[in-house]
């Protein structure tokens, strides 16, 4: 089913996009048509370009884990634009080349972590939803994993549901509280993140949760009052449980039993073509992984029209927050300003049957499944930061050493104490 093209993100103060999503996609949104709201980022290439132009990572290494005050945070908030290909990882790598060395290296560590997540997910696919190496630790059983009476949880859940974006420190708080302390299944918490986060991807989300709760490395992040007081002391001062804090002490998890997880060997995986395959396609098939002007299939011919399909069966199953759909609609409306963009809703193969399509390979299992049916006649390489080759993916350090990734300062793991 063809939909009208979304309006530009700033038309009518942005309200026009909200109305478009509510009308055409609201029944697929978590909150329903009446609950569609905008998150903390505006989508689209113009917004991504503005964010990149103002990017300054000076002080990033020192302030990246600051939670409060918000003005003191060092996080760049670029992740939603990275996730949807509005700013490719190689472009971000170059953008910080002139930053102070320590801050540049720390920020590039994070970019490499994103690339590692993509390599890991491209290899394991849906199996990344299984615990990688260890059983999930559970030191307790709470009726509500993120209790609203805890000021720290109330604040970060509010940001997740309202802004659709969190600093890495609070993502770790929430994952550890959910899985380690409260004993809830880490997969269910990761699903909630995926529903709400504007940068939500199975690759980064699942990797982040598994390394935080210990299923990925056997060393769970020990969330306690110590981290909150160090990163956001105001939350403890205002908390009604300040004198009876349920996370006062470190959670003791002991050694985590090993599990038979997905294959993490050194065999290679399908990273897509290294050169353009085929040619002469009439239209570009855009995917959610690559929606920017730099999309290789799109950039190959600026006059070629594009098509994007909102995958109705997938969205009905995922029940994404409306703010995620608004971000995508922003991006499509912005993309349609200089070129024709056809927007459709339905089953992707049925909506694209019989078309002459060019596409950029995407390193996700859904793309491989759909491309095998849609059969695009022109496929462009994915813009890898580190071109895949046979390498170990059992840990970030092993992957970086064996994949040919640039050597940086240190893995971007949690800097708080682990127990």
Protein backbone atom coordinates (compact mmCIF):
# COMPACT_ATOMS: atom_id res chain seq x y z
CA UNK A 1 0.00 0.00 0.00
CA UNK A 2 1.44 3.35 -1.01
CA UNK A 3 1.41 6.11 1.60
CA UNK A 4 1.71 9.84 1.02
CA UNK A 5 5.27 11.08 1.38
CA UNK A 6 5.89 12.30 4.96
CA UNK A 7 6.18 16.07 5.33
CA UNK A 8 9.58 17.65 6.08
CA UNK A 9 10.47 17.36 9.79
CA UNK A 10 10.04 21.07 10.53
CA UNK A 11 6.77 21.65 8.70
CA UNK A 12 4.17 23.17 11.00
CA UNK A 13 6.71 23.11 13.83
CA UNK A 14 7.11 19.36 13.46
CA UNK A 15 3.44 18.68 14.22
CA UNK A 16 2.76 17.67 10.61
CA UNK A 17 5.04 14.63 10.95
CA UNK A 18 3.33 13.61 14.19
CA UNK A 19 -0.05 13.77 12.47
CA UNK A 20 1.30 11.75 9.52
CA UNK A 21 2.61 8.98 11.78
CA UNK A 22 -0.57 8.91 13.85
CA UNK A 23 -2.70 8.57 10.72
CA UNK A 24 -0.62 6.11 8.71
CA UNK A 25 1.33 4.12 11.31
CA UNK A 26 -0.35 4.85 14.63
CA UNK A 27 -2.01 1.45 14.84
CA UNK A 28 1.48 -0.12 14.79
CA UNK A 29 2.91 2.14 17.51
CA UNK A 30 3.32 1.02 21.13
CA UNK A 31 1.25 3.94 22.41
CA UNK A 32 -1.40 3.84 19.66
CA UNK A 33 -2.37 6.72 17.33
CA UNK A 34 -3.28 9.09 20.18
CA UNK A 35 0.02 8.57 21.97
CA UNK A 36 2.43 9.36 19.12
CA UNK A 37 5.04 11.80 20.38
CA UNK A 38 8.45 13.04 19.31
CA UNK A 39 11.59 11.88 21.10
CA UNK A 40 14.71 13.86 21.93
CA UNK A 41 16.15 13.87 18.39
CA UNK A 42 14.83 15.20 15.10
CA UNK A 43 15.42 12.76 12.28
CA UNK A 44 16.76 13.50 8.82
CA UNK A 45 19.96 14.33 7.01
CA UNK A 46 19.76 18.06 7.79
CA UNK A 47 19.58 17.34 11.53
CA UNK A 48 22.41 14.81 11.27
CA UNK A 49 24.60 17.24 9.33
CA UNK A 50 23.97 19.98 11.89
CA UNK A 51 24.88 17.64 14.74
CA UNK A 52 28.05 16.59 12.95
CA UNK A 53 29.04 20.19 12.19
CA UNK A 54 28.79 21.09 15.89
CA UNK A 55 30.49 17.94 17.15
CA UNK A 56 33.21 18.61 19.72
CA UNK A 57 34.61 15.67 21.66
CA UNK A 58 37.00 17.75 23.78
CA UNK A 59 36.68 16.42 27.33
CA UNK A 60 34.84 13.31 26.14
CA UNK A 61 37.11 10.86 27.96
CA UNK A 62 36.54 12.66 31.29
CA UNK A 63 32.83 13.43 30.93
CA UNK A 64 31.41 10.56 28.89
CA UNK A 65 29.94 8.85 31.98
CA UNK A 66 28.44 11.97 33.57
CA UNK A 67 24.70 11.60 34.16
CA UNK A 68 23.82 14.80 36.04
CA UNK A 69 23.85 17.64 35.57
CA UNK A 70 22.74 17.24 31.96
CA UNK A 71 24.90 20.23 31.03
CA UNK A 72 27.96 18.30 32.22
CA UNK A 73 27.42 15.28 30.00
CA UNK A 74 30.14 14.48 27.48
CA UNK A 75 28.10 12.08 25.35
CA UNK A 76 27.64 13.40 21.81
CA UNK A 77 24.09 12.11 21.11
CA UNK A 78 25.15 11.09 17.58
CA UNK A 79 24.06 7.46 17.94
CA UNK A 80 20.59 7.71 16.30
CA UNK A 81 22.20 9.18 13.19
CA UNK A 82 24.86 6.47 13.19
CA UNK A 83 22.30 3.73 13.66
CA UNK A 84 20.30 4.71 10.55
CA UNK A 85 23.25 5.51 8.32
CA UNK A 86 22.71 9.28 8.27
CA UNK A 87 26.34 9.55 9.37
CA UNK A 88 28.34 6.43 8.42
CA UNK A 89 30.92 5.17 10.89
CA UNK A 90 33.88 5.99 8.57
CA UNK A 91 32.68 9.60 8.39
CA UNK A 92 32.42 9.81 12.17
CA UNK A 93 35.93 8.38 12.48
CA UNK A 94 37.33 11.14 10.28
CA UNK A 95 35.26 13.86 11.97
CA UNK A 96 37.16 13.57 15.26
CA UNK A 97 40.65 13.31 13.74
CA UNK A 98 41.73 16.70 15.10
CA UNK A 99 40.34 16.28 18.62
CA UNK A 100 42.67 16.05 21.65
CA UNK A 101 44.40 12.67 21.42
CA UNK A 102 42.96 11.08 24.57
CA UNK A 103 39.41 12.19 23.74
CA UNK A 104 39.79 11.19 20.09
CA UNK A 105 41.02 7.72 21.02
CA UNK A 106 38.29 7.17 23.59
CA UNK A 107 35.60 8.27 21.16
CA UNK A 108 37.03 6.11 18.41
CA UNK A 109 36.98 3.19 20.84
CA UNK A 110 33.23 3.65 20.99
CA UNK A 111 32.99 3.69 17.19
CA UNK A 112 35.00 0.48 17.06
CA UNK A 113 32.66 -1.02 19.65
CA UNK A 114 29.73 -0.22 17.32
CA UNK A 115 31.56 -1.87 14.45
CA UNK A 116 32.34 -4.91 16.59
CA UNK A 117 28.64 -5.18 17.41
CA UNK A 118 27.80 -5.20 13.71
CA UNK A 119 30.41 -7.87 12.98
CA UNK A 120 29.14 -10.01 15.86
CA UNK A 121 25.49 -9.66 14.81
CA UNK A 122 26.26 -10.28 11.14
CA UNK A 123 27.88 -13.55 12.18
CA UNK A 124 25.45 -14.77 14.83
CA UNK A 125 22.15 -13.29 13.63
CA UNK A 126 19.18 -14.18 15.80
CA UNK A 127 21.47 -16.36 17.93
CA UNK A 128 22.76 -13.17 19.57
CA UNK A 129 19.50 -13.36 21.49
CA UNK A 130 20.97 -16.34 23.38
CA UNK A 131 23.40 -15.88 26.22
CA UNK A 132 26.84 -15.85 24.62
CA UNK A 133 29.10 -17.53 27.18
CA UNK A 134 27.52 -17.60 30.66
CA UNK A 135 24.21 -17.98 32.43
CA UNK A 136 22.54 -14.79 33.56
CA UNK A 137 23.25 -13.98 37.21
CA UNK A 138 20.25 -13.39 39.46
CA UNK A 139 20.87 -12.23 43.02
CA UNK A 140 17.24 -11.42 43.76
CA UNK A 141 13.67 -11.43 42.50
CA UNK A 142 11.84 -8.11 42.42
CA UNK A 143 8.17 -7.64 41.46
CA UNK A 144 9.12 -4.53 39.45
CA UNK A 145 12.61 -4.55 37.89
CA UNK A 146 12.73 -0.75 37.58
CA UNK A 147 10.90 0.45 40.72
CA UNK A 148 9.50 3.96 40.41
CA UNK A 149 10.18 4.67 44.11
CA UNK A 150 13.92 4.54 43.36
CA UNK A 151 14.76 8.06 42.13
CA UNK A 152 17.55 6.76 39.91
CA UNK A 153 15.23 4.32 38.14
CA UNK A 154 12.37 6.80 37.88
CA UNK A 155 14.68 9.32 36.22
CA UNK A 156 16.25 6.99 33.68
CA UNK A 157 13.02 5.22 32.79
CA UNK A 158 11.55 8.67 32.20
CA UNK A 159 14.38 9.48 29.80
CA UNK A 160 14.03 6.15 28.01
CA UNK A 161 10.30 6.52 27.49
CA UNK A 162 10.30 10.27 26.89
CA UNK A 163 13.54 11.04 25.05
CA UNK A 164 14.27 7.66 23.53
CA UNK A 165 17.94 8.16 24.31
CA UNK A 166 20.22 7.45 27.29
CA UNK A 167 23.87 7.96 28.14
CA UNK A 168 25.81 4.71 28.28
CA UNK A 169 26.19 4.87 32.07
CA UNK A 170 22.44 4.79 32.69
CA UNK A 171 21.95 2.04 30.11
CA UNK A 172 24.25 -0.06 32.27
CA UNK A 173 22.37 0.92 35.42
CA UNK A 174 19.10 -0.21 33.91
CA UNK A 175 20.43 -3.46 32.47
CA UNK A 176 22.14 -4.48 35.70
CA UNK A 177 19.17 -3.52 37.85
CA UNK A 178 16.78 -5.41 35.58
CA UNK A 179 18.72 -8.63 35.15
CA UNK A 180 21.24 -8.96 37.99
CA UNK A 181 19.42 -7.45 40.97
CA UNK A 182 15.78 -8.00 40.01
CA UNK A 183 16.33 -11.34 38.26
CA UNK A 184 14.21 -10.51 35.22
CA UNK A 185 15.22 -12.05 31.88
CA UNK A 186 17.75 -9.84 30.11
CA UNK A 187 16.03 -10.46 26.77
CA UNK A 188 12.83 -8.83 27.97
CA UNK A 189 14.72 -5.76 29.13
CA UNK A 190 16.58 -5.56 25.83
CA UNK A 191 13.23 -5.73 24.02
CA UNK A 192 12.05 -2.69 26.00
CA UNK A 193 15.20 -0.81 25.06
CA UNK A 194 14.63 -1.72 21.42
CA UNK A 195 11.07 -0.45 21.54
CA UNK A 196 12.04 2.97 22.84
CA UNK A 197 15.62 3.86 21.88
CA UNK A 198 15.99 5.98 18.76
CA UNK A 199 19.38 4.32 18.24
CA UNK A 200 17.96 0.89 19.00
CA UNK A 201 19.58 -1.92 17.05
CA UNK A 202 19.70 -5.60 17.84
CA UNK A 203 23.47 -5.56 17.31
CA UNK A 204 24.34 -2.81 19.78
CA UNK A 205 21.50 -3.48 22.23
CA UNK A 206 22.10 -7.17 22.62
CA UNK A 207 25.86 -6.80 22.84
CA UNK A 208 25.52 -4.04 25.45
CA UNK A 209 23.10 -6.03 27.60
CA UNK A 210 25.14 -9.23 27.43
CA UNK A 211 28.39 -7.51 28.41
CA UNK A 212 26.69 -5.56 31.20
CA UNK A 213 24.83 -8.45 32.83
CA UNK A 214 27.76 -10.83 32.43
CA UNK A 215 26.39 -13.36 29.95
CA UNK A 216 28.94 -12.14 27.41
CA UNK A 217 32.05 -12.09 29.57
CA UNK A 218 31.30 -13.61 32.98
CA UNK A 219 31.85 -10.28 34.77
CA UNK A 220 28.50 -8.59 35.50
CA UNK A 221 28.39 -4.87 36.12
CA UNK A 222 27.65 -4.41 39.79
CA UNK A 223 25.11 -1.60 39.92
CA UNK A 224 24.90 0.03 43.35
CA UNK A 225 24.36 3.34 45.09
CA UNK A 226 28.07 4.09 44.59
CA UNK A 227 27.60 4.68 40.85
CA UNK A 228 24.57 6.90 41.35
CA UNK A 229 26.27 9.09 43.92
CA UNK A 230 29.35 9.38 41.73
CA UNK A 231 27.51 10.20 38.48
CA UNK A 232 24.26 11.80 39.65
CA UNK A 233 24.36 12.63 43.37
CA UNK A 234 21.23 14.77 43.15
CA UNK A 235 19.16 11.65 42.55
CA UNK A 236 20.19 10.09 45.85
CA UNK A 237 19.52 13.33 47.73
CA UNK A 238 15.95 13.46 46.39
CA UNK A 239 15.19 9.74 46.68
CA UNK A 240 12.47 8.69 49.15
CA UNK A 241 14.53 5.55 49.77
CA UNK A 242 17.71 7.46 50.54
CA UNK A 243 17.81 6.14 54.10
CA UNK A 244 16.83 2.60 53.11
CA UNK A 245 18.49 2.21 49.74
CA UNK A 246 17.86 -1.26 48.22
CA UNK A 247 21.08 -1.05 46.20
CA UNK A 248 23.33 0.15 49.02
CA UNK A 249 25.69 -2.82 48.74
CA UNK A 250 27.37 -4.52 45.81
CA UNK A 251 25.50 -7.49 44.32
CA UNK A 252 27.49 -10.69 44.82
CA UNK A 253 27.05 -12.97 41.82
CA UNK A 254 29.84 -15.52 42.18
CA UNK A 255 31.16 -17.44 39.21
CA UNK A 256 28.68 -17.70 36.36
CA UNK A 257 28.18 -21.16 34.83
CA UNK A 258 29.16 -21.55 31.18
CA UNK A 259 26.53 -22.07 28.49
CA UNK A 260 26.61 -23.41 24.95
CA UNK A 261 26.15 -20.09 23.15
CA UNK A 262 26.31 -19.12 19.49
CA UNK A 263 29.36 -19.93 17.39
CA UNK A 264 32.05 -17.30 17.98
CA UNK A 265 34.81 -18.96 15.98
CA UNK A 266 37.19 -17.44 13.48
CA UNK A 267 35.26 -18.31 10.34
CA UNK A 268 34.26 -15.38 8.19
CA UNK A 269 30.72 -14.23 7.47
CA UNK A 270 28.86 -12.60 4.62
CA UNK A 271 29.85 -8.96 4.82
CA UNK A 272 28.34 -8.24 1.44
CA UNK A 273 30.11 -7.45 -1.80
CA UNK A 274 33.40 -5.56 -1.85
CA UNK A 275 32.41 -3.99 -5.19
CA UNK A 276 29.11 -3.07 -6.82
CA UNK A 277 27.32 -6.15 -8.11
CA UNK A 278 25.11 -5.70 -11.17
CA UNK A 279 23.91 -2.34 -12.41
CA UNK A 280 21.32 -0.36 -14.32
CA UNK A 281 18.57 -0.50 -11.68
CA UNK A 282 15.76 2.02 -11.96
CA UNK A 283 14.98 2.63 -8.28
CA UNK A 284 16.81 2.51 -4.94
CA UNK A 285 15.43 0.29 -2.19
CA UNK A 286 16.17 2.04 1.10
CA UNK A 287 16.42 0.08 4.34
CA UNK A 288 16.30 1.34 7.93
CA UNK A 289 20.03 0.61 8.23
CA UNK A 290 20.97 3.18 5.60
CA UNK A 291 18.73 6.22 5.13
CA UNK A 292 21.25 9.00 4.52
CA UNK A 293 22.45 10.88 1.47
CA UNK A 294 25.66 8.86 1.70
CA UNK A 295 23.85 5.58 1.13
CA UNK A 296 26.03 4.07 -1.63
CA UNK A 297 23.13 2.97 -3.83
CA UNK A 298 21.50 6.37 -3.49
CA UNK A 299 24.71 8.34 -4.00
CA UNK A 300 25.54 6.39 -7.16
CA UNK A 301 22.80 8.26 -9.05
CA UNK A 302 21.31 11.37 -7.44
CA UNK A 303 18.47 11.40 -9.97
CA UNK A 304 17.31 7.87 -9.26
CA UNK A 305 14.07 7.67 -7.23
CA UNK A 306 13.91 5.70 -3.98
CA UNK A 307 11.39 3.49 -2.22
CA UNK A 308 11.06 2.61 1.47
CA UNK A 309 8.67 0.05 2.92
CA UNK A 310 7.39 0.13 6.49
CA UNK A 311 7.43 -3.62 7.15
CA UNK A 312 3.94 -4.05 8.59
CA UNK A 313 4.22 -7.63 9.93
CA UNK A 314 7.56 -6.79 11.59
CA UNK A 315 6.32 -3.53 13.11
CA UNK A 316 3.13 -5.15 14.34
CA UNK A 317 5.26 -7.72 16.17
CA UNK A 318 7.83 -5.26 17.56
CA UNK A 319 5.35 -2.57 18.67
CA UNK A 320 7.94 0.19 18.49
CA UNK A 321 7.32 3.44 20.31
CA UNK A 322 5.81 6.13 18.13
CA UNK A 323 8.89 8.29 18.65
CA UNK A 324 10.96 5.77 16.69
CA UNK A 325 8.44 5.89 13.84
CA UNK A 326 8.50 9.70 13.97
CA UNK A 327 12.29 9.69 13.62
CA UNK A 328 12.00 7.49 10.53
CA UNK A 329 9.23 9.66 9.07
CA UNK A 330 11.35 12.78 9.71
CA UNK A 331 14.17 11.16 7.81
CA UNK A 332 12.06 10.10 4.85
CA UNK A 333 10.42 13.52 4.63
CA UNK A 334 13.80 15.21 4.64
CA UNK A 335 15.15 12.76 2.07
CA UNK A 336 12.21 13.46 -0.24
CA UNK A 337 12.99 17.16 -0.55
CA UNK A 338 15.60 16.83 -3.36
CA UNK A 339 14.43 13.51 -4.93
CA UNK A 340 11.31 11.36 -5.34
CA UNK A 341 10.84 8.98 -2.41
CA UNK A 342 8.01 6.48 -2.53
CA UNK A 343 6.82 5.31 0.89
CA UNK A 344 4.84 2.11 1.28
CA UNK A 345 3.42 -0.07 4.04
CA UNK A 346 2.95 -3.83 3.90
CA UNK A 347 4.96 -6.99 3.41
CA UNK A 348 8.28 -5.98 1.89
CA UNK A 349 8.50 -8.66 -0.85
CA UNK A 350 4.94 -8.02 -1.98
CA UNK A 351 5.43 -4.25 -2.05
CA UNK A 352 8.62 -4.52 -4.13
CA UNK A 353 7.71 -7.34 -6.51
CA UNK A 354 8.64 -6.72 -10.12
CA UNK A 355 10.77 -3.64 -9.49
CA UNK A 356 14.22 -2.93 -10.87
CA UNK A 357 16.05 -2.20 -7.61
CA UNK A 358 19.44 -1.06 -6.42
CA UNK A 359 20.24 -1.48 -2.73
CA UNK A 360 23.07 -1.16 -0.25
CA UNK A 361 23.90 -4.41 1.49
CA UNK A 362 22.96 -4.26 5.19
CA UNK A 363 24.74 -6.48 7.78
CA UNK A 364 21.57 -7.73 9.45
CA UNK A 365 19.78 -11.08 9.04
CA UNK A 366 16.51 -9.42 7.99
CA UNK A 367 18.16 -7.91 4.95
CA UNK A 368 19.60 -11.23 3.83
CA UNK A 369 16.20 -12.87 4.18
CA UNK A 370 14.34 -10.17 2.27
CA UNK A 371 16.98 -9.69 -0.42
CA UNK A 372 16.80 -13.39 -1.26
CA UNK A 373 13.13 -12.86 -2.17
CA UNK A 374 13.22 -9.32 -3.59
CA UNK A 375 16.34 -10.13 -5.64
CA UNK A 376 17.72 -6.62 -6.30
CA UNK A 377 19.65 -6.39 -9.55
CA UNK A 378 22.25 -3.95 -8.23
CA UNK A 379 23.89 -4.35 -4.80
CA UNK A 380 26.34 -1.83 -3.34
CA UNK A 381 28.90 -2.55 -0.59
CA UNK A 382 28.15 -1.67 3.01
CA UNK A 383 30.44 1.16 4.23
CA UNK A 384 32.34 -0.85 6.83
CA UNK A 385 34.76 0.89 9.14
CA UNK A 386 36.63 -2.43 9.32
CA UNK A 387 36.13 -4.66 6.30
CA UNK A 388 35.16 -8.17 7.51
CA UNK A 389 37.68 -10.97 7.34
CA UNK A 390 38.04 -14.23 9.27
CA UNK A 391 38.60 -13.14 12.86
CA UNK A 392 37.68 -14.03 16.43
CA UNK A 393 34.64 -12.27 17.85
CA UNK A 394 34.62 -13.78 21.34
CA UNK A 395 35.65 -10.46 22.85
CA UNK A 396 36.17 -6.91 21.69
CA UNK A 397 39.90 -7.16 22.35
CA UNK A 398 40.27 -10.41 20.38
CA UNK A 399 38.24 -9.03 17.51
CA UNK A 400 40.24 -5.82 17.35
CA UNK A 401 43.51 -7.73 17.36
CA UNK A 402 42.53 -10.25 14.66
CA UNK A 403 40.23 -8.16 12.43
CA UNK A 404 42.74 -5.50 11.43
CA UNK A 405 40.85 -2.81 13.34
CA UNK A 406 42.94 0.23 14.31
CA UNK A 407 44.54 -0.11 17.75
CA UNK A 408 43.03 2.31 20.24
CA UNK A 409 43.55 2.97 23.94
CA UNK A 410 41.25 0.48 25.66
CA UNK A 411 37.95 -1.39 25.25
CA UNK A 412 34.92 0.85 26.01
CA UNK A 413 33.66 -1.15 28.95
CA UNK A 414 32.00 0.04 32.12
CA UNK A 415 34.37 2.08 34.26
CA UNK A 416 32.50 1.37 37.51
CA UNK A 417 33.41 -1.49 39.86
CA UNK A 418 32.39 -5.00 38.90
CA UNK A 419 31.67 -7.83 41.27
